[in-house]
């Protein structure tokens, strides 16, 4: 069981998130953060950057919530994503290579899709927004499975953790929204 510690941590974090959730749309920041972590690892070009980028996104969310509880932390997370994507592009251009083993183009596209879903969720009514966040998290869970199986871009431990977190939170959002 210790070999799958990310599952246990994922269950624990999901429980904390779910217990604090009033409606699913408020977790748009989690959907955005899930994509930013993958983009950040691709931008740096090392799987070992995965957990530090995860903790950076967590710090951005916590700081945004502490500094101004009326400020939507999703915007801060998406801003971090723009910075990381820009860094990755500059790093890639400086290297002068066309190949990208870290998958910056695919992670940038995923960031656009998941970021757009998170953004759109903030501008529609709470029910539709909650379903958008839940569907986005389920889509990201599929992305987690792919990365776990291929062992590319992010560490397997992060993909495993994120799969559990995304799936559990999405299920809770759906149950809360239809309930």
N, C-alpha and C. Protein backbone atom coordinates (compact mmCIF):
# COMPACT_ATOMS: atom_id res chain seq x y z
N UNK A 1 0.82 -1.19 0.00
CA UNK A 1 0.00 0.00 0.00
C UNK A 1 0.87 1.26 0.00
N UNK A 2 2.02 1.20 0.65
CA UNK A 2 2.90 2.37 0.68
C UNK A 2 3.40 2.75 -0.71
N UNK A 3 3.43 1.76 -1.61
CA UNK A 3 3.87 2.04 -2.97
C UNK A 3 2.88 2.98 -3.67
N UNK A 4 1.63 2.96 -3.23
CA UNK A 4 0.61 3.81 -3.83
C UNK A 4 0.20 4.93 -2.87
N UNK A 5 1.20 5.51 -2.20
CA UNK A 5 0.92 6.62 -1.28
C UNK A 5 0.17 7.76 -1.96
N UNK A 6 0.37 8.02 -3.28
CA UNK A 6 -0.38 9.11 -3.89
C UNK A 6 -1.90 8.91 -3.84
N UNK A 7 -2.34 7.64 -3.86
CA UNK A 7 -3.78 7.36 -3.76
C UNK A 7 -4.29 7.81 -2.40
N UNK A 8 -3.55 7.48 -1.35
CA UNK A 8 -3.97 7.86 0.00
C UNK A 8 -3.98 9.38 0.17
N UNK A 9 -2.96 10.03 -0.34
CA UNK A 9 -2.90 11.49 -0.26
C UNK A 9 -4.03 12.11 -1.10
N UNK A 10 -4.27 11.55 -2.27
CA UNK A 10 -5.36 12.03 -3.12
C UNK A 10 -6.71 11.93 -2.45
N UNK A 11 -6.96 10.79 -1.78
CA UNK A 11 -8.21 10.61 -1.05
C UNK A 11 -8.32 11.63 0.08
N UNK A 12 -7.24 11.84 0.81
CA UNK A 12 -7.25 12.80 1.91
C UNK A 12 -7.48 14.22 1.44
N UNK A 13 -6.79 14.64 0.39
CA UNK A 13 -6.95 15.99 -0.12
C UNK A 13 -8.36 16.16 -0.71
N UNK A 14 -8.84 15.15 -1.41
CA UNK A 14 -10.20 15.21 -1.96
C UNK A 14 -11.22 15.38 -0.84
N UNK A 15 -11.04 14.65 0.25
CA UNK A 15 -11.97 14.76 1.38
C UNK A 15 -11.96 16.18 1.94
N UNK A 16 -10.79 16.77 2.09
CA UNK A 16 -10.70 18.14 2.59
C UNK A 16 -11.38 19.13 1.65
N UNK A 17 -11.15 18.96 0.36
CA UNK A 17 -11.75 19.85 -0.64
C UNK A 17 -13.27 19.70 -0.63
N UNK A 18 -13.74 18.47 -0.60
CA UNK A 18 -15.18 18.20 -0.66
C UNK A 18 -15.89 18.71 0.59
N UNK A 19 -15.28 18.53 1.74
CA UNK A 19 -15.91 18.99 2.99
C UNK A 19 -16.04 20.51 3.04
N UNK A 20 -15.18 21.22 2.34
CA UNK A 20 -15.19 22.68 2.35
C UNK A 20 -15.98 23.28 1.18
N UNK A 21 -16.53 22.41 0.32
CA UNK A 21 -17.17 22.86 -0.91
C UNK A 21 -18.64 23.25 -0.68
N UNK A 22 -19.00 24.44 -1.16
CA UNK A 22 -20.40 24.87 -1.10
C UNK A 22 -21.10 24.59 -2.42
N UNK A 23 -20.41 24.89 -3.52
CA UNK A 23 -20.91 24.55 -4.86
C UNK A 23 -19.70 24.29 -5.76
N UNK A 24 -19.93 23.49 -6.78
CA UNK A 24 -18.83 23.03 -7.61
C UNK A 24 -18.08 24.09 -8.37
N UNK A 25 -18.77 25.16 -8.75
CA UNK A 25 -18.13 26.19 -9.56
C UNK A 25 -16.96 26.84 -8.82
N UNK A 26 -16.99 26.83 -7.51
CA UNK A 26 -15.90 27.43 -6.74
C UNK A 26 -14.58 26.67 -6.93
N UNK A 27 -14.66 25.49 -7.51
CA UNK A 27 -13.44 24.70 -7.72
C UNK A 27 -12.88 24.85 -9.13
N UNK A 28 -13.29 25.90 -9.83
CA UNK A 28 -12.69 26.21 -11.13
C UNK A 28 -11.18 26.38 -10.96
N UNK A 29 -10.77 26.91 -9.81
CA UNK A 29 -9.34 27.10 -9.55
C UNK A 29 -8.59 25.77 -9.50
N UNK A 30 -9.26 24.72 -9.03
CA UNK A 30 -8.64 23.38 -9.00
C UNK A 30 -8.47 22.85 -10.42
N UNK A 31 -9.47 23.06 -11.26
CA UNK A 31 -9.38 22.63 -12.66
C UNK A 31 -8.23 23.36 -13.36
N UNK A 32 -8.16 24.66 -13.16
CA UNK A 32 -7.07 25.43 -13.78
C UNK A 32 -5.71 24.97 -13.24
N UNK A 33 -5.63 24.73 -11.94
CA UNK A 33 -4.36 24.32 -11.33
C UNK A 33 -3.89 22.97 -11.86
N UNK A 34 -4.83 22.07 -12.11
CA UNK A 34 -4.44 20.75 -12.61
C UNK A 34 -3.73 20.86 -13.95
N UNK A 35 -4.22 21.76 -14.80
CA UNK A 35 -3.57 21.96 -16.10
C UNK A 35 -2.25 22.71 -15.97
N UNK A 36 -2.20 23.66 -15.05
CA UNK A 36 -0.97 24.45 -14.86
C UNK A 36 0.18 23.57 -14.39
N UNK A 37 -0.09 22.60 -13.54
CA UNK A 37 0.97 21.71 -13.06
C UNK A 37 1.60 20.96 -14.22
N UNK A 38 0.78 20.43 -15.11
CA UNK A 38 1.30 19.69 -16.26
C UNK A 38 2.06 20.62 -17.20
N UNK A 39 1.50 21.80 -17.44
CA UNK A 39 2.17 22.77 -18.30
C UNK A 39 3.50 23.19 -17.69
N UNK A 40 3.52 23.41 -16.38
CA UNK A 40 4.75 23.81 -15.71
C UNK A 40 5.85 22.77 -15.83
N UNK A 41 5.49 21.50 -15.66
CA UNK A 41 6.49 20.43 -15.79
C UNK A 41 7.02 20.38 -17.22
N UNK A 42 6.13 20.56 -18.20
CA UNK A 42 6.57 20.58 -19.60
C UNK A 42 7.44 21.80 -19.88
N UNK A 43 7.10 22.93 -19.31
CA UNK A 43 7.86 24.16 -19.53
C UNK A 43 9.28 24.04 -18.99
N UNK A 44 9.42 23.42 -17.82
CA UNK A 44 10.73 23.22 -17.23
C UNK A 44 11.47 22.10 -17.95
N UNK A 45 10.72 21.16 -18.49
CA UNK A 45 11.32 20.06 -19.24
C UNK A 45 11.81 18.92 -18.38
N UNK A 46 11.33 18.86 -17.14
CA UNK A 46 11.77 17.80 -16.23
C UNK A 46 10.59 17.29 -15.42
N UNK A 47 10.46 15.98 -15.35
CA UNK A 47 9.41 15.39 -14.51
C UNK A 47 9.60 15.77 -13.05
N UNK A 48 10.83 15.95 -12.65
CA UNK A 48 11.10 16.28 -11.25
C UNK A 48 10.54 17.64 -10.83
N UNK A 49 10.14 18.44 -11.79
CA UNK A 49 9.54 19.75 -11.48
C UNK A 49 8.07 19.63 -11.10
N UNK A 50 7.49 18.46 -11.28
CA UNK A 50 6.05 18.27 -11.09
C UNK A 50 5.57 18.69 -9.71
N UNK A 51 6.13 18.11 -8.67
CA UNK A 51 5.65 18.40 -7.32
C UNK A 51 5.97 19.84 -6.90
N UNK A 52 7.14 20.39 -7.22
CA UNK A 52 7.35 21.81 -6.90
C UNK A 52 6.34 22.73 -7.59
N UNK A 53 5.98 22.43 -8.84
CA UNK A 53 4.98 23.25 -9.53
C UNK A 53 3.61 23.06 -8.86
N UNK A 54 3.31 21.84 -8.45
CA UNK A 54 2.05 21.59 -7.73
C UNK A 54 1.98 22.47 -6.48
N UNK A 55 3.06 22.47 -5.70
CA UNK A 55 3.06 23.27 -4.46
C UNK A 55 3.03 24.78 -4.77
N UNK A 56 3.62 25.18 -5.89
CA UNK A 56 3.54 26.59 -6.29
C UNK A 56 2.10 26.98 -6.62
N UNK A 57 1.37 26.12 -7.32
CA UNK A 57 -0.03 26.43 -7.62
C UNK A 57 -0.86 26.47 -6.34
N UNK A 58 -0.57 25.56 -5.43
CA UNK A 58 -1.27 25.56 -4.14
C UNK A 58 -0.99 26.86 -3.39
N UNK A 59 0.26 27.31 -3.40
CA UNK A 59 0.63 28.56 -2.73
C UNK A 59 -0.08 29.75 -3.37
N UNK A 60 -0.19 29.76 -4.69
CA UNK A 60 -0.89 30.84 -5.39
C UNK A 60 -2.36 30.88 -4.98
N UNK A 61 -3.00 29.71 -4.93
CA UNK A 61 -4.41 29.64 -4.54
C UNK A 61 -4.59 30.12 -3.11
N UNK A 62 -3.76 29.62 -2.21
CA UNK A 62 -3.88 30.01 -0.80
C UNK A 62 -3.61 31.50 -0.61
N UNK A 63 -2.59 32.02 -1.28
CA UNK A 63 -2.27 33.44 -1.16
C UNK A 63 -3.40 34.30 -1.70
N UNK A 64 -3.96 33.92 -2.84
CA UNK A 64 -5.06 34.69 -3.42
C UNK A 64 -6.26 34.68 -2.49
N UNK A 65 -6.55 33.54 -1.89
CA UNK A 65 -7.69 33.44 -0.97
C UNK A 65 -7.46 34.22 0.33
N UNK A 66 -6.22 34.24 0.81
CA UNK A 66 -5.90 34.94 2.06
C UNK A 66 -5.87 36.46 1.85
N UNK A 67 -5.24 36.88 0.75
CA UNK A 67 -5.09 38.32 0.50
C UNK A 67 -6.43 39.00 0.30
N UNK A 68 -7.30 38.37 -0.49
CA UNK A 68 -8.61 38.97 -0.76
C UNK A 68 -9.59 37.84 -1.06
N UNK A 69 -10.45 37.56 -0.10
CA UNK A 69 -11.38 36.43 -0.28
C UNK A 69 -12.40 36.68 -1.38
N UNK A 70 -12.55 37.91 -1.83
CA UNK A 70 -13.45 38.22 -2.94
C UNK A 70 -12.78 38.06 -4.31
N UNK A 71 -11.46 37.94 -4.31
CA UNK A 71 -10.72 37.75 -5.56
C UNK A 71 -10.82 36.29 -5.98
N UNK A 72 -11.09 36.06 -7.24
CA UNK A 72 -11.20 34.70 -7.77
C UNK A 72 -9.79 34.14 -8.01
N UNK A 73 -9.40 33.14 -7.23
CA UNK A 73 -8.06 32.57 -7.32
C UNK A 73 -7.78 31.93 -8.68
N UNK A 74 -8.82 31.59 -9.41
CA UNK A 74 -8.63 31.01 -10.74
C UNK A 74 -7.81 31.93 -11.62
N UNK A 75 -8.03 33.25 -11.49
CA UNK A 75 -7.29 34.20 -12.32
C UNK A 75 -5.79 34.17 -12.00
N UNK A 76 -5.46 34.05 -10.73
CA UNK A 76 -4.06 33.98 -10.32
C UNK A 76 -3.41 32.70 -10.85
N UNK A 77 -4.14 31.61 -10.78
CA UNK A 77 -3.62 30.33 -11.27
C UNK A 77 -3.40 30.39 -12.78
N UNK A 78 -4.38 30.94 -13.49
CA UNK A 78 -4.22 31.07 -14.95
C UNK A 78 -3.06 32.00 -15.29
N UNK A 79 -2.86 33.04 -14.49
CA UNK A 79 -1.70 33.93 -14.69
C UNK A 79 -0.39 33.17 -14.53
N UNK A 80 -0.33 32.31 -13.52
CA UNK A 80 0.86 31.47 -13.35
C UNK A 80 1.06 30.58 -14.56
N UNK A 81 -0.03 30.06 -15.10
CA UNK A 81 0.06 29.23 -16.30
C UNK A 81 0.63 29.98 -17.48
N UNK A 82 0.22 31.24 -17.66
CA UNK A 82 0.74 32.07 -18.74
C UNK A 82 2.25 32.29 -18.56
N UNK A 83 2.65 32.57 -17.33
CA UNK A 83 4.08 32.77 -17.06
C UNK A 83 4.88 31.50 -17.35
N UNK A 84 4.38 30.36 -16.90
CA UNK A 84 5.10 29.10 -17.13
C UNK A 84 5.13 28.74 -18.61
N UNK A 85 4.02 28.96 -19.30
CA UNK A 85 4.00 28.70 -20.74
C UNK A 85 4.99 29.59 -21.48
N UNK A 86 5.04 30.87 -21.09
CA UNK A 86 6.01 31.78 -21.70
C UNK A 86 7.44 31.35 -21.44
N UNK A 87 7.70 30.92 -20.20
CA UNK A 87 9.05 30.44 -19.87
C UNK A 87 9.40 29.23 -20.73
N UNK A 88 8.47 28.30 -20.86
CA UNK A 88 8.72 27.11 -21.67
C UNK A 88 8.99 27.44 -23.12
N UNK A 89 8.25 28.40 -23.66
CA UNK A 89 8.45 28.81 -25.05
C UNK A 89 9.83 29.43 -25.24
N UNK A 90 10.22 30.32 -24.33
CA UNK A 90 11.54 30.95 -24.41
C UNK A 90 12.64 29.90 -24.27
N UNK A 91 12.48 28.99 -23.34
CA UNK A 91 13.47 27.92 -23.14
C UNK A 91 13.61 27.08 -24.39
N UNK A 92 12.49 26.77 -25.01
CA UNK A 92 12.50 25.95 -26.23
C UNK A 92 13.15 26.70 -27.39
N UNK A 93 12.85 28.00 -27.54
CA UNK A 93 13.43 28.79 -28.61
C UNK A 93 14.94 28.94 -28.43
N UNK A 94 15.36 29.13 -27.19
CA UNK A 94 16.81 29.26 -26.92
C UNK A 94 17.55 27.96 -27.24
N UNK A 95 16.89 26.83 -26.99
CA UNK A 95 17.52 25.55 -27.28
C UNK A 95 17.61 25.32 -28.78
N UNK A 96 16.75 25.99 -29.54
CA UNK A 96 16.80 25.89 -30.99
C UNK A 96 16.44 24.52 -31.52
N UNK A 97 15.60 23.81 -30.80
CA UNK A 97 15.24 22.47 -31.25
C UNK A 97 13.76 22.42 -31.62
N UNK A 98 13.44 21.62 -32.60
CA UNK A 98 12.06 21.45 -33.02
C UNK A 98 11.39 20.33 -32.23
N UNK A 99 12.16 19.39 -31.77
CA UNK A 99 11.57 18.30 -31.00
C UNK A 99 11.35 18.77 -29.56
N UNK A 100 10.34 18.22 -28.96
CA UNK A 100 10.01 18.62 -27.59
C UNK A 100 9.59 17.38 -26.81
N UNK A 101 10.56 16.70 -26.20
CA UNK A 101 10.20 15.49 -25.46
C UNK A 101 9.31 15.76 -24.25
N UNK A 102 9.30 17.00 -23.76
CA UNK A 102 8.47 17.31 -22.60
C UNK A 102 7.02 17.60 -22.98
N UNK A 103 6.72 17.73 -24.27
CA UNK A 103 5.35 17.91 -24.70
C UNK A 103 4.75 19.28 -24.46
N UNK A 104 5.56 20.34 -24.59
CA UNK A 104 5.05 21.68 -24.36
C UNK A 104 3.86 22.02 -25.27
N UNK A 105 3.89 21.68 -26.55
CA UNK A 105 2.71 22.01 -27.38
C UNK A 105 1.43 21.31 -26.90
N UNK A 106 1.50 20.04 -26.59
CA UNK A 106 0.29 19.33 -26.15
C UNK A 106 -0.17 19.83 -24.78
N UNK A 107 0.76 20.15 -23.90
CA UNK A 107 0.38 20.68 -22.58
C UNK A 107 -0.19 22.09 -22.71
N UNK A 108 0.31 22.86 -23.67
CA UNK A 108 -0.24 24.20 -23.91
C UNK A 108 -1.67 24.10 -24.42
N UNK A 109 -1.92 23.17 -25.32
CA UNK A 109 -3.27 22.96 -25.83
C UNK A 109 -4.20 22.50 -24.71
N UNK A 110 -3.72 21.58 -23.89
CA UNK A 110 -4.52 21.11 -22.75
C UNK A 110 -4.81 22.26 -21.79
N UNK A 111 -3.82 23.12 -21.58
CA UNK A 111 -4.01 24.29 -20.71
C UNK A 111 -5.10 25.20 -21.28
N UNK A 112 -5.09 25.38 -22.58
CA UNK A 112 -6.13 26.21 -23.21
C UNK A 112 -7.52 25.61 -23.01
N UNK A 113 -7.64 24.31 -23.20
CA UNK A 113 -8.94 23.65 -23.07
C UNK A 113 -9.43 23.68 -21.63
N UNK A 114 -8.59 23.22 -20.70
CA UNK A 114 -9.01 23.18 -19.29
C UNK A 114 -9.16 24.59 -18.72
N UNK A 115 -8.27 25.49 -19.13
CA UNK A 115 -8.37 26.88 -18.69
C UNK A 115 -9.64 27.55 -19.21
N UNK A 116 -10.00 27.25 -20.46
CA UNK A 116 -11.24 27.80 -21.02
C UNK A 116 -12.46 27.27 -20.27
N UNK A 117 -12.45 25.99 -19.93
CA UNK A 117 -13.57 25.41 -19.17
C UNK A 117 -13.68 26.07 -17.80
N UNK A 118 -12.55 26.27 -17.14
CA UNK A 118 -12.55 26.91 -15.82
C UNK A 118 -13.05 28.35 -15.92
N UNK A 119 -12.59 29.06 -16.94
CA UNK A 119 -13.01 30.45 -17.14
C UNK A 119 -14.50 30.54 -17.46
N UNK A 120 -14.96 29.71 -18.38
CA UNK A 120 -16.37 29.72 -18.76
C UNK A 120 -17.26 29.40 -17.56
N UNK A 121 -16.80 28.49 -16.71
CA UNK A 121 -17.58 28.11 -15.52
C UNK A 121 -17.85 29.31 -14.62
N UNK A 122 -16.95 30.28 -14.64
CA UNK A 122 -17.12 31.46 -13.79
C UNK A 122 -18.14 32.46 -14.34
N UNK A 123 -18.49 32.31 -15.62
CA UNK A 123 -19.37 33.29 -16.26
C UNK A 123 -20.78 32.79 -16.56
N UNK A 124 -21.05 31.56 -16.22
CA UNK A 124 -22.40 31.01 -16.42
C UNK A 124 -23.04 30.83 -15.06
N UNK A 125 -24.29 30.40 -15.03
CA UNK A 125 -24.93 30.20 -13.72
C UNK A 125 -24.23 29.08 -12.96
N UNK A 126 -24.43 29.05 -11.66
CA UNK A 126 -23.69 28.14 -10.78
C UNK A 126 -23.89 26.67 -11.13
N UNK A 127 -25.08 26.30 -11.55
CA UNK A 127 -25.34 24.90 -11.90
C UNK A 127 -24.54 24.49 -13.13
N UNK A 128 -24.64 25.27 -14.18
CA UNK A 128 -23.90 24.98 -15.41
C UNK A 128 -22.40 25.05 -15.13
N UNK A 129 -21.97 26.05 -14.38
CA UNK A 129 -20.55 26.18 -14.03
C UNK A 129 -20.04 24.99 -13.26
N UNK A 130 -20.85 24.49 -12.34
CA UNK A 130 -20.45 23.32 -11.55
C UNK A 130 -20.28 22.10 -12.45
N UNK A 131 -21.23 21.90 -13.37
CA UNK A 131 -21.11 20.77 -14.30
C UNK A 131 -19.89 20.93 -15.21
N UNK A 132 -19.59 22.16 -15.64
CA UNK A 132 -18.39 22.40 -16.45
C UNK A 132 -17.12 22.03 -15.69
N UNK A 133 -17.05 22.43 -14.43
CA UNK A 133 -15.88 22.10 -13.62
C UNK A 133 -15.78 20.58 -13.45
N UNK A 134 -16.90 19.92 -13.16
CA UNK A 134 -16.89 18.47 -12.98
C UNK A 134 -16.46 17.75 -14.26
N UNK A 135 -17.02 18.16 -15.39
CA UNK A 135 -16.63 17.55 -16.66
C UNK A 135 -15.17 17.82 -16.99
N UNK A 136 -14.72 19.03 -16.69
CA UNK A 136 -13.30 19.35 -16.90
C UNK A 136 -12.40 18.48 -16.05
N UNK A 137 -12.78 18.27 -14.79
CA UNK A 137 -11.98 17.42 -13.91
C UNK A 137 -11.98 15.97 -14.39
N UNK A 138 -13.11 15.50 -14.88
CA UNK A 138 -13.15 14.13 -15.43
C UNK A 138 -12.28 14.03 -16.68
N UNK A 139 -12.30 15.06 -17.50
CA UNK A 139 -11.41 15.09 -18.67
C UNK A 139 -9.96 15.09 -18.25
N UNK A 140 -9.65 15.85 -17.19
CA UNK A 140 -8.27 15.87 -16.71
C UNK A 140 -7.90 14.53 -16.09
N UNK A 141 -8.85 13.84 -15.50
CA UNK A 141 -8.57 12.50 -14.96
C UNK A 141 -8.14 11.55 -16.08
N UNK A 142 -8.78 11.68 -17.24
CA UNK A 142 -8.36 10.87 -18.39
C UNK A 142 -6.93 11.26 -18.81
N UNK A 143 -6.62 12.55 -18.75
CA UNK A 143 -5.27 13.05 -19.05
C UNK A 143 -4.27 12.46 -18.05
N UNK A 144 -4.69 12.35 -16.78
CA UNK A 144 -3.85 11.74 -15.74
C UNK A 144 -3.54 10.28 -16.08
N UNK A 145 -4.56 9.54 -16.49
CA UNK A 145 -4.37 8.12 -16.85
C UNK A 145 -3.36 8.00 -17.98
N UNK A 146 -3.53 8.81 -19.01
CA UNK A 146 -2.60 8.78 -20.15
C UNK A 146 -1.16 9.02 -19.68
N UNK A 147 -0.97 10.05 -18.86
CA UNK A 147 0.38 10.37 -18.40
C UNK A 147 0.94 9.34 -17.43
N UNK A 148 0.08 8.73 -16.65
CA UNK A 148 0.53 7.66 -15.76
C UNK A 148 1.03 6.48 -16.59
N UNK A 149 0.27 6.12 -17.61
CA UNK A 149 0.63 4.96 -18.44
C UNK A 149 1.89 5.21 -19.27
N UNK A 150 2.04 6.42 -19.80
CA UNK A 150 3.19 6.72 -20.65
C UNK A 150 4.41 7.14 -19.84
N UNK A 151 4.19 7.55 -18.58
CA UNK A 151 5.27 8.01 -17.71
C UNK A 151 6.05 9.16 -18.37
N UNK A 152 5.30 10.11 -18.94
CA UNK A 152 5.90 11.27 -19.58
C UNK A 152 5.37 12.54 -18.95
N UNK A 153 6.12 13.60 -19.04
CA UNK A 153 5.82 14.96 -18.61
C UNK A 153 5.80 15.09 -17.09
N UNK A 154 4.89 14.39 -16.42
CA UNK A 154 4.80 14.48 -14.96
C UNK A 154 5.19 13.15 -14.34
N UNK A 155 5.52 13.18 -13.06
CA UNK A 155 5.85 11.95 -12.38
C UNK A 155 4.61 11.08 -12.24
N UNK A 156 4.82 9.80 -12.17
CA UNK A 156 3.69 8.88 -12.01
C UNK A 156 2.97 9.15 -10.69
N UNK A 157 3.72 9.52 -9.67
CA UNK A 157 3.08 9.78 -8.38
C UNK A 157 2.10 10.94 -8.48
N UNK A 158 2.46 12.00 -9.22
CA UNK A 158 1.55 13.13 -9.38
C UNK A 158 0.34 12.72 -10.21
N UNK A 159 0.56 11.99 -11.30
CA UNK A 159 -0.56 11.56 -12.14
C UNK A 159 -1.53 10.68 -11.34
N UNK A 160 -1.00 9.81 -10.50
CA UNK A 160 -1.83 8.94 -9.68
C UNK A 160 -2.62 9.75 -8.64
N UNK A 161 -1.94 10.67 -7.97
CA UNK A 161 -2.58 11.55 -6.99
C UNK A 161 -3.69 12.36 -7.66
N UNK A 162 -3.36 12.97 -8.78
CA UNK A 162 -4.29 13.85 -9.49
C UNK A 162 -5.50 13.07 -10.01
N UNK A 163 -5.29 11.85 -10.46
CA UNK A 163 -6.40 11.01 -10.93
C UNK A 163 -7.43 10.80 -9.82
N UNK A 164 -6.96 10.47 -8.65
CA UNK A 164 -7.86 10.25 -7.52
C UNK A 164 -8.55 11.55 -7.12
N UNK A 165 -7.78 12.62 -7.00
CA UNK A 165 -8.34 13.92 -6.62
C UNK A 165 -9.38 14.39 -7.63
N UNK A 166 -9.02 14.39 -8.91
CA UNK A 166 -9.93 14.87 -9.95
C UNK A 166 -11.22 14.06 -9.99
N UNK A 167 -11.10 12.74 -9.93
CA UNK A 167 -12.28 11.88 -10.03
C UNK A 167 -13.19 12.03 -8.82
N UNK A 168 -12.62 12.02 -7.63
CA UNK A 168 -13.43 12.13 -6.41
C UNK A 168 -14.13 13.48 -6.32
N UNK A 169 -13.41 14.54 -6.63
CA UNK A 169 -14.00 15.88 -6.56
C UNK A 169 -15.07 16.05 -7.64
N UNK A 170 -14.81 15.56 -8.84
CA UNK A 170 -15.82 15.64 -9.90
C UNK A 170 -17.09 14.90 -9.51
N UNK A 171 -16.95 13.70 -8.94
CA UNK A 171 -18.12 12.94 -8.51
C UNK A 171 -18.89 13.69 -7.43
N UNK A 172 -18.17 14.28 -6.50
CA UNK A 172 -18.82 15.04 -5.41
C UNK A 172 -19.55 16.27 -5.98
N UNK A 173 -18.94 16.94 -6.95
CA UNK A 173 -19.59 18.11 -7.55
C UNK A 173 -20.89 17.68 -8.24
N UNK A 174 -20.83 16.60 -8.99
CA UNK A 174 -22.02 16.12 -9.69
C UNK A 174 -23.13 15.76 -8.68
N UNK A 175 -22.76 15.03 -7.64
CA UNK A 175 -23.75 14.63 -6.63
C UNK A 175 -24.33 15.86 -5.91
N UNK A 176 -23.50 16.81 -5.58
CA UNK A 176 -23.97 18.03 -4.91
C UNK A 176 -24.89 18.84 -5.83
N UNK A 177 -24.53 18.90 -7.10
CA UNK A 177 -25.29 19.74 -8.04
C UNK A 177 -26.65 19.12 -8.39
N UNK A 178 -26.70 17.81 -8.53
CA UNK A 178 -27.99 17.18 -8.86
C UNK A 178 -28.83 16.92 -7.62
N UNK A 179 -28.15 16.93 -6.45
CA UNK A 179 -28.83 16.60 -5.20
C UNK A 179 -29.70 17.67 -4.73
